[in-house]
Amino acid sequence: MNAQQSWPKLPPIQTGIKGRCPRCGEGKIFDGFLTLKPRCNHCGLDYSFADPADGPAFFVICFGCVPAVAFAIWLEIAFTAPYWVHLVTTLPLILLTCIPMLRPLKGWLVASQYFYKAEEGKLASADPEPSENQP
């Protein structure tokens, strides 16, 4: 692809949830379930900028695990359910609310990093102040 080519600004929610390249929207960003490819096979975008870290896990814990565990606690308190009931109800609930959410959330965070040009913070070097005697 031409390095000077202009790419449209694609919304992170549109490309990330589908697991598509944040620049071209065509190539796939995942190589496996959660492993990022080194670069886009369509436009050549290098994915080394992407570091979602624990972001996907944080969102899954907050919006998936917490309600599922609250359900398990309610089930235990309301019905004093035996362990096999938790195994049949709570375990699948936790797995179904947590695992499928990881990939779209990671894709969304990677696409958001590209879209908003997010990068690691750096200290700004202070420019020397001009002296009063200089014109």
N, C-alpha and C. Protein backbone atom coordinates (compact mmCIF):
# COMPACT_ATOMS: atom_id res chain seq x y z
N MET A 1 0.84 -1.19 0.00
CA MET A 1 0.00 0.00 0.00
C MET A 1 0.88 1.25 0.00
N ASN A 2 0.38 2.29 -0.52
CA ASN A 2 1.07 3.56 -0.59
C ASN A 2 1.13 4.20 0.79
N ALA A 3 2.33 4.61 1.20
CA ALA A 3 2.49 5.22 2.53
C ALA A 3 1.78 6.56 2.62
N GLN A 4 1.59 7.23 1.48
CA GLN A 4 0.94 8.53 1.48
C GLN A 4 -0.58 8.44 1.40
N GLN A 5 -1.10 7.23 1.28
CA GLN A 5 -2.54 7.05 1.12
C GLN A 5 -3.29 7.61 2.33
N SER A 6 -4.41 8.24 2.06
CA SER A 6 -5.23 8.81 3.11
C SER A 6 -6.28 7.78 3.52
N TRP A 7 -6.37 7.53 4.81
CA TRP A 7 -7.33 6.56 5.33
C TRP A 7 -8.47 7.29 6.02
N PRO A 8 -9.69 6.79 5.88
CA PRO A 8 -10.82 7.44 6.56
C PRO A 8 -10.73 7.21 8.07
N LYS A 9 -11.25 8.14 8.84
CA LYS A 9 -11.29 7.98 10.30
C LYS A 9 -12.49 7.10 10.63
N LEU A 10 -12.20 5.86 11.01
CA LEU A 10 -13.25 4.90 11.34
C LEU A 10 -13.51 4.91 12.83
N PRO A 11 -14.76 4.90 13.25
CA PRO A 11 -15.07 4.90 14.69
C PRO A 11 -14.55 3.63 15.36
N PRO A 12 -13.92 3.76 16.53
CA PRO A 12 -13.37 2.60 17.24
C PRO A 12 -14.42 1.55 17.56
N ILE A 13 -15.62 1.96 17.86
CA ILE A 13 -16.66 0.99 18.20
C ILE A 13 -17.00 0.13 16.99
N GLN A 14 -16.94 0.72 15.80
CA GLN A 14 -17.27 0.00 14.57
C GLN A 14 -16.19 -1.03 14.22
N THR A 15 -14.94 -0.64 14.31
CA THR A 15 -13.85 -1.55 13.92
C THR A 15 -13.43 -2.47 15.06
N GLY A 16 -13.38 -1.93 16.27
CA GLY A 16 -12.85 -2.70 17.39
C GLY A 16 -13.69 -3.90 17.78
N ILE A 17 -14.98 -3.71 17.86
CA ILE A 17 -15.85 -4.82 18.28
C ILE A 17 -15.84 -5.94 17.26
N LYS A 18 -15.67 -5.59 15.99
CA LYS A 18 -15.59 -6.62 14.94
C LYS A 18 -14.21 -7.23 14.84
N GLY A 19 -13.21 -6.66 15.54
CA GLY A 19 -11.85 -7.18 15.46
C GLY A 19 -11.16 -6.81 14.16
N ARG A 20 -11.50 -5.66 13.62
CA ARG A 20 -10.93 -5.18 12.35
C ARG A 20 -9.86 -4.13 12.60
N CYS A 21 -9.02 -3.94 11.61
CA CYS A 21 -7.95 -2.95 11.68
C CYS A 21 -8.54 -1.56 11.90
N PRO A 22 -7.99 -0.80 12.85
CA PRO A 22 -8.53 0.53 13.12
C PRO A 22 -8.25 1.54 12.01
N ARG A 23 -7.27 1.26 11.14
CA ARG A 23 -6.96 2.21 10.08
C ARG A 23 -7.78 1.95 8.81
N CYS A 24 -7.79 0.70 8.33
CA CYS A 24 -8.48 0.43 7.06
C CYS A 24 -9.85 -0.23 7.25
N GLY A 25 -10.07 -0.88 8.39
CA GLY A 25 -11.34 -1.54 8.64
C GLY A 25 -11.49 -2.87 7.92
N GLU A 26 -10.46 -3.32 7.22
CA GLU A 26 -10.53 -4.55 6.44
C GLU A 26 -9.78 -5.71 7.10
N GLY A 27 -8.53 -5.50 7.46
CA GLY A 27 -7.71 -6.57 8.04
C GLY A 27 -8.16 -6.91 9.45
N LYS A 28 -7.79 -8.10 9.88
CA LYS A 28 -8.13 -8.55 11.23
C LYS A 28 -6.97 -8.24 12.17
N ILE A 29 -7.30 -7.88 13.43
CA ILE A 29 -6.25 -7.53 14.39
C ILE A 29 -5.85 -8.70 15.27
N PHE A 30 -6.67 -9.75 15.32
CA PHE A 30 -6.38 -10.86 16.22
C PHE A 30 -5.79 -12.04 15.48
N ASP A 31 -4.82 -12.65 16.13
CA ASP A 31 -4.22 -13.90 15.68
C ASP A 31 -4.47 -14.90 16.80
N GLY A 32 -5.62 -15.53 16.78
CA GLY A 32 -6.05 -16.38 17.89
C GLY A 32 -7.17 -15.67 18.64
N PHE A 33 -7.39 -16.09 19.88
CA PHE A 33 -8.51 -15.52 20.63
C PHE A 33 -8.24 -14.10 21.10
N LEU A 34 -7.11 -13.87 21.78
CA LEU A 34 -6.79 -12.53 22.29
C LEU A 34 -5.43 -12.01 21.86
N THR A 35 -4.68 -12.78 21.10
CA THR A 35 -3.34 -12.38 20.67
C THR A 35 -3.44 -11.44 19.48
N LEU A 36 -2.77 -10.29 19.58
CA LEU A 36 -2.77 -9.34 18.47
C LEU A 36 -1.77 -9.77 17.41
N LYS A 37 -2.14 -9.55 16.16
CA LYS A 37 -1.21 -9.79 15.06
C LYS A 37 -0.13 -8.71 15.11
N PRO A 38 1.03 -8.97 14.51
CA PRO A 38 2.07 -7.93 14.49
C PRO A 38 1.67 -6.72 13.64
N ARG A 39 0.95 -6.97 12.54
CA ARG A 39 0.53 -5.87 11.65
C ARG A 39 -0.68 -6.30 10.84
N CYS A 40 -1.34 -5.32 10.26
CA CYS A 40 -2.53 -5.58 9.43
C CYS A 40 -2.09 -6.23 8.12
N ASN A 41 -2.78 -7.28 7.72
CA ASN A 41 -2.44 -7.94 6.47
C ASN A 41 -3.02 -7.20 5.25
N HIS A 42 -3.83 -6.19 5.47
CA HIS A 42 -4.42 -5.44 4.36
C HIS A 42 -3.69 -4.12 4.12
N CYS A 43 -3.52 -3.31 5.16
CA CYS A 43 -2.89 -1.99 4.98
C CYS A 43 -1.48 -1.90 5.56
N GLY A 44 -1.07 -2.90 6.34
CA GLY A 44 0.29 -2.91 6.88
C GLY A 44 0.48 -2.13 8.17
N LEU A 45 -0.60 -1.69 8.82
CA LEU A 45 -0.47 -0.94 10.07
C LEU A 45 0.21 -1.80 11.12
N ASP A 46 1.26 -1.26 11.72
CA ASP A 46 1.99 -1.96 12.78
C ASP A 46 1.22 -1.81 14.08
N TYR A 47 0.89 -2.93 14.71
CA TYR A 47 0.10 -2.90 15.94
C TYR A 47 0.96 -2.80 17.20
N SER A 48 2.21 -2.45 17.06
CA SER A 48 3.07 -2.35 18.24
C SER A 48 2.64 -1.19 19.15
N PHE A 49 1.87 -0.24 18.63
CA PHE A 49 1.38 0.87 19.45
C PHE A 49 0.34 0.41 20.47
N ALA A 50 -0.29 -0.72 20.21
CA ALA A 50 -1.44 -1.16 21.00
C ALA A 50 -1.00 -1.85 22.29
N ASP A 51 -1.52 -1.34 23.38
CA ASP A 51 -1.29 -1.95 24.69
C ASP A 51 -2.53 -1.73 25.56
N PRO A 52 -3.54 -2.58 25.38
CA PRO A 52 -4.74 -2.40 26.19
C PRO A 52 -4.57 -2.85 27.63
N ALA A 53 -3.45 -3.53 27.91
CA ALA A 53 -3.12 -3.99 29.26
C ALA A 53 -4.28 -4.76 29.89
N ASP A 54 -4.73 -4.34 31.07
CA ASP A 54 -5.80 -5.03 31.78
C ASP A 54 -7.16 -4.38 31.56
N GLY A 55 -7.25 -3.48 30.61
CA GLY A 55 -8.51 -2.79 30.36
C GLY A 55 -9.68 -3.70 30.08
N PRO A 56 -9.54 -4.67 29.14
CA PRO A 56 -10.67 -5.57 28.88
C PRO A 56 -11.08 -6.36 30.12
N ALA A 57 -10.11 -6.84 30.87
CA ALA A 57 -10.42 -7.60 32.08
C ALA A 57 -11.14 -6.73 33.11
N PHE A 58 -10.75 -5.47 33.23
CA PHE A 58 -11.41 -4.57 34.16
C PHE A 58 -12.88 -4.40 33.81
N PHE A 59 -13.17 -4.13 32.54
CA PHE A 59 -14.56 -3.95 32.13
C PHE A 59 -15.37 -5.23 32.30
N VAL A 60 -14.76 -6.37 32.00
CA VAL A 60 -15.47 -7.64 32.17
C VAL A 60 -15.76 -7.91 33.64
N ILE A 61 -14.82 -7.61 34.50
CA ILE A 61 -15.03 -7.81 35.94
C ILE A 61 -16.16 -6.91 36.43
N CYS A 62 -16.13 -5.65 36.02
CA CYS A 62 -17.15 -4.71 36.49
C CYS A 62 -18.54 -5.02 35.97
N PHE A 63 -18.63 -5.32 34.69
CA PHE A 63 -19.95 -5.45 34.08
C PHE A 63 -20.40 -6.88 33.83
N GLY A 64 -19.53 -7.84 34.03
CA GLY A 64 -19.90 -9.24 33.84
C GLY A 64 -19.81 -10.05 35.11
N CYS A 65 -18.66 -9.99 35.75
CA CYS A 65 -18.43 -10.82 36.94
C CYS A 65 -19.23 -10.34 38.15
N VAL A 66 -19.26 -9.06 38.37
CA VAL A 66 -19.94 -8.54 39.56
C VAL A 66 -21.43 -8.92 39.56
N PRO A 67 -22.17 -8.71 38.45
CA PRO A 67 -23.57 -9.16 38.47
C PRO A 67 -23.72 -10.67 38.60
N ALA A 68 -22.82 -11.44 37.99
CA ALA A 68 -22.90 -12.90 38.09
C ALA A 68 -22.64 -13.37 39.52
N VAL A 69 -21.68 -12.76 40.18
CA VAL A 69 -21.40 -13.12 41.57
C VAL A 69 -22.53 -12.64 42.47
N ALA A 70 -23.11 -11.50 42.17
CA ALA A 70 -24.27 -11.03 42.94
C ALA A 70 -25.42 -12.02 42.81
N PHE A 71 -25.62 -12.56 41.60
CA PHE A 71 -26.64 -13.60 41.40
C PHE A 71 -26.33 -14.83 42.24
N ALA A 72 -25.07 -15.24 42.27
CA ALA A 72 -24.68 -16.42 43.06
C ALA A 72 -24.93 -16.19 44.55
N ILE A 73 -24.63 -15.01 45.03
CA ILE A 73 -24.86 -14.70 46.44
C ILE A 73 -26.36 -14.68 46.73
N TRP A 74 -27.14 -14.06 45.85
CA TRP A 74 -28.59 -14.06 46.03
C TRP A 74 -29.15 -15.48 46.03
N LEU A 75 -28.67 -16.31 45.12
CA LEU A 75 -29.13 -17.70 45.03
C LEU A 75 -28.83 -18.46 46.32
N GLU A 76 -27.64 -18.21 46.86
CA GLU A 76 -27.24 -18.89 48.09
C GLU A 76 -28.07 -18.42 49.28
N ILE A 77 -28.26 -17.12 49.39
CA ILE A 77 -29.00 -16.57 50.54
C ILE A 77 -30.49 -16.91 50.45
N ALA A 78 -31.07 -16.76 49.28
CA ALA A 78 -32.51 -16.96 49.13
C ALA A 78 -32.92 -18.43 49.22
N PHE A 79 -32.12 -19.32 48.66
CA PHE A 79 -32.53 -20.71 48.57
C PHE A 79 -31.59 -21.70 49.25
N THR A 80 -30.50 -21.23 49.81
CA THR A 80 -29.47 -22.11 50.38
C THR A 80 -29.18 -23.25 49.40
N ALA A 81 -28.82 -22.86 48.20
CA ALA A 81 -28.62 -23.82 47.12
C ALA A 81 -27.41 -24.70 47.37
N PRO A 82 -27.53 -25.99 47.04
CA PRO A 82 -26.37 -26.87 47.15
C PRO A 82 -25.33 -26.53 46.08
N TYR A 83 -24.14 -27.10 46.23
CA TYR A 83 -23.04 -26.78 45.32
C TYR A 83 -23.36 -27.14 43.87
N TRP A 84 -24.07 -28.24 43.65
CA TRP A 84 -24.36 -28.65 42.28
C TRP A 84 -25.26 -27.64 41.56
N VAL A 85 -26.13 -26.96 42.31
CA VAL A 85 -26.98 -25.93 41.69
C VAL A 85 -26.13 -24.75 41.24
N HIS A 86 -25.16 -24.37 42.05
CA HIS A 86 -24.23 -23.29 41.65
C HIS A 86 -23.41 -23.74 40.44
N LEU A 87 -23.02 -25.00 40.43
CA LEU A 87 -22.24 -25.52 39.31
C LEU A 87 -23.04 -25.46 38.01
N VAL A 88 -24.32 -25.72 38.10
CA VAL A 88 -25.18 -25.75 36.91
C VAL A 88 -25.67 -24.35 36.51
N THR A 89 -25.82 -23.45 37.45
CA THR A 89 -26.37 -22.12 37.13
C THR A 89 -25.30 -21.02 37.12
N THR A 90 -24.59 -20.89 38.21
CA THR A 90 -23.68 -19.76 38.36
C THR A 90 -22.43 -19.89 37.48
N LEU A 91 -21.84 -21.06 37.43
CA LEU A 91 -20.62 -21.24 36.63
C LEU A 91 -20.87 -20.92 35.15
N PRO A 92 -21.91 -21.48 34.52
CA PRO A 92 -22.15 -21.09 33.12
C PRO A 92 -22.46 -19.60 32.96
N LEU A 93 -23.17 -19.02 33.93
CA LEU A 93 -23.46 -17.59 33.86
C LEU A 93 -22.18 -16.77 33.87
N ILE A 94 -21.27 -17.11 34.76
CA ILE A 94 -20.00 -16.39 34.83
C ILE A 94 -19.21 -16.57 33.54
N LEU A 95 -19.13 -17.79 33.04
CA LEU A 95 -18.37 -18.04 31.82
C LEU A 95 -18.99 -17.34 30.60
N LEU A 96 -20.32 -17.33 30.52
CA LEU A 96 -20.98 -16.72 29.37
C LEU A 96 -20.99 -15.20 29.40
N THR A 97 -20.87 -14.62 30.59
CA THR A 97 -20.84 -13.15 30.66
C THR A 97 -19.42 -12.60 30.62
N CYS A 98 -18.42 -13.43 30.85
CA CYS A 98 -17.05 -12.93 30.92
C CYS A 98 -16.21 -13.24 29.67
N ILE A 99 -16.12 -14.48 29.29
CA ILE A 99 -15.21 -14.86 28.21
C ILE A 99 -15.57 -14.25 26.86
N PRO A 100 -16.82 -14.31 26.41
CA PRO A 100 -17.12 -13.73 25.09
C PRO A 100 -16.91 -12.21 25.01
N MET A 101 -16.92 -11.54 26.13
CA MET A 101 -16.77 -10.08 26.14
C MET A 101 -15.32 -9.62 25.99
N LEU A 102 -14.35 -10.48 26.29
CA LEU A 102 -12.95 -10.07 26.30
C LEU A 102 -12.46 -9.61 24.92
N ARG A 103 -12.74 -10.38 23.90
CA ARG A 103 -12.23 -10.06 22.56
C ARG A 103 -12.80 -8.75 22.01
N PRO A 104 -14.13 -8.54 22.02
CA PRO A 104 -14.62 -7.25 21.50
C PRO A 104 -14.12 -6.05 22.31
N LEU A 105 -14.00 -6.22 23.62
CA LEU A 105 -13.51 -5.10 24.44
C LEU A 105 -12.04 -4.81 24.14
N LYS A 106 -11.23 -5.85 23.95
CA LYS A 106 -9.83 -5.62 23.62
C LYS A 106 -9.71 -4.96 22.25
N GLY A 107 -10.51 -5.40 21.29
CA GLY A 107 -10.51 -4.77 19.97
C GLY A 107 -10.91 -3.31 20.04
N TRP A 108 -11.94 -3.02 20.85
CA TRP A 108 -12.39 -1.64 21.00
C TRP A 108 -11.30 -0.77 21.63
N LEU A 109 -10.59 -1.30 22.64
CA LEU A 109 -9.54 -0.51 23.28
C LEU A 109 -8.36 -0.28 22.35
N VAL A 110 -7.99 -1.28 21.55
CA VAL A 110 -6.90 -1.11 20.57
C VAL A 110 -7.31 -0.08 19.53
N ALA A 111 -8.52 -0.18 19.01
CA ALA A 111 -9.00 0.78 18.01
C ALA A 111 -9.09 2.18 18.60
N SER A 112 -9.48 2.29 19.86
CA SER A 112 -9.54 3.60 20.51
C SER A 112 -8.15 4.20 20.68
N GLN A 113 -7.17 3.36 20.99
CA GLN A 113 -5.80 3.87 21.11
C GLN A 113 -5.33 4.44 19.77
N TYR A 114 -5.65 3.78 18.68
CA TYR A 114 -5.27 4.28 17.37
C TYR A 114 -6.04 5.55 17.02
N PHE A 115 -7.34 5.53 17.21
CA PHE A 115 -8.21 6.64 16.83
C PHE A 115 -7.84 7.93 17.58
N TYR A 116 -7.60 7.82 18.87
CA TYR A 116 -7.30 8.99 19.69
C TYR A 116 -5.81 9.24 19.85
N LYS A 117 -4.98 8.46 19.15
CA LYS A 117 -3.52 8.59 19.17
C LYS A 117 -2.99 8.55 20.60
N ALA A 118 -3.54 7.64 21.39
CA ALA A 118 -3.11 7.49 22.78
C ALA A 118 -1.76 6.80 22.82
N GLU A 119 -0.90 7.29 23.65
CA GLU A 119 0.41 6.67 23.83
C GLU A 119 0.88 6.90 25.25
N GLU A 120 1.97 6.28 25.57
CA GLU A 120 2.50 6.38 26.92
C GLU A 120 2.89 7.83 27.22
N GLY A 121 2.64 8.25 28.44
CA GLY A 121 2.96 9.62 28.83
C GLY A 121 4.45 9.88 28.82
N LYS A 122 4.82 11.09 28.45
CA LYS A 122 6.22 11.49 28.40
C LYS A 122 6.38 12.82 29.12
N LEU A 123 7.54 13.02 29.68
CA LEU A 123 7.83 14.31 30.30
C LEU A 123 8.20 15.30 29.22
N ALA A 124 7.63 16.47 29.28
CA ALA A 124 7.94 17.51 28.31
C ALA A 124 9.23 18.18 28.72
N SER A 125 10.11 18.37 27.75
CA SER A 125 11.36 19.06 28.07
C SER A 125 11.09 20.55 28.10
N ALA A 126 11.62 21.20 29.09
CA ALA A 126 11.40 22.63 29.24
C ALA A 126 12.34 23.39 28.31
N ASP A 127 11.78 24.25 27.47
CA ASP A 127 12.60 25.08 26.60
C ASP A 127 13.18 26.20 27.44
N PRO A 128 14.43 26.54 27.20
CA PRO A 128 15.00 27.66 27.97
C PRO A 128 14.26 28.95 27.64
N GLU A 129 13.99 29.71 28.69
CA GLU A 129 13.27 30.96 28.50
C GLU A 129 14.20 31.99 27.86
N PRO A 130 13.69 32.75 26.90
CA PRO A 130 14.54 33.77 26.27
C PRO A 130 14.87 34.86 27.29
N SER A 131 16.09 35.29 27.25
CA SER A 131 16.49 36.34 28.18
C SER A 131 15.96 37.69 27.67
N GLU A 132 15.89 38.64 28.58
CA GLU A 132 15.32 39.94 28.25
C GLU A 132 16.22 40.75 27.34
N ASN A 133 17.53 40.43 27.29
CA ASN A 133 18.46 41.20 26.50
C ASN A 133 18.46 40.79 25.03
N GLN A 134 17.90 39.65 24.69
CA GLN A 134 17.91 39.21 23.30
C GLN A 134 16.77 39.88 22.54
N PRO A 135 16.99 40.23 21.26
CA PRO A 135 15.95 40.92 20.48
C PRO A 135 14.83 40.01 20.09
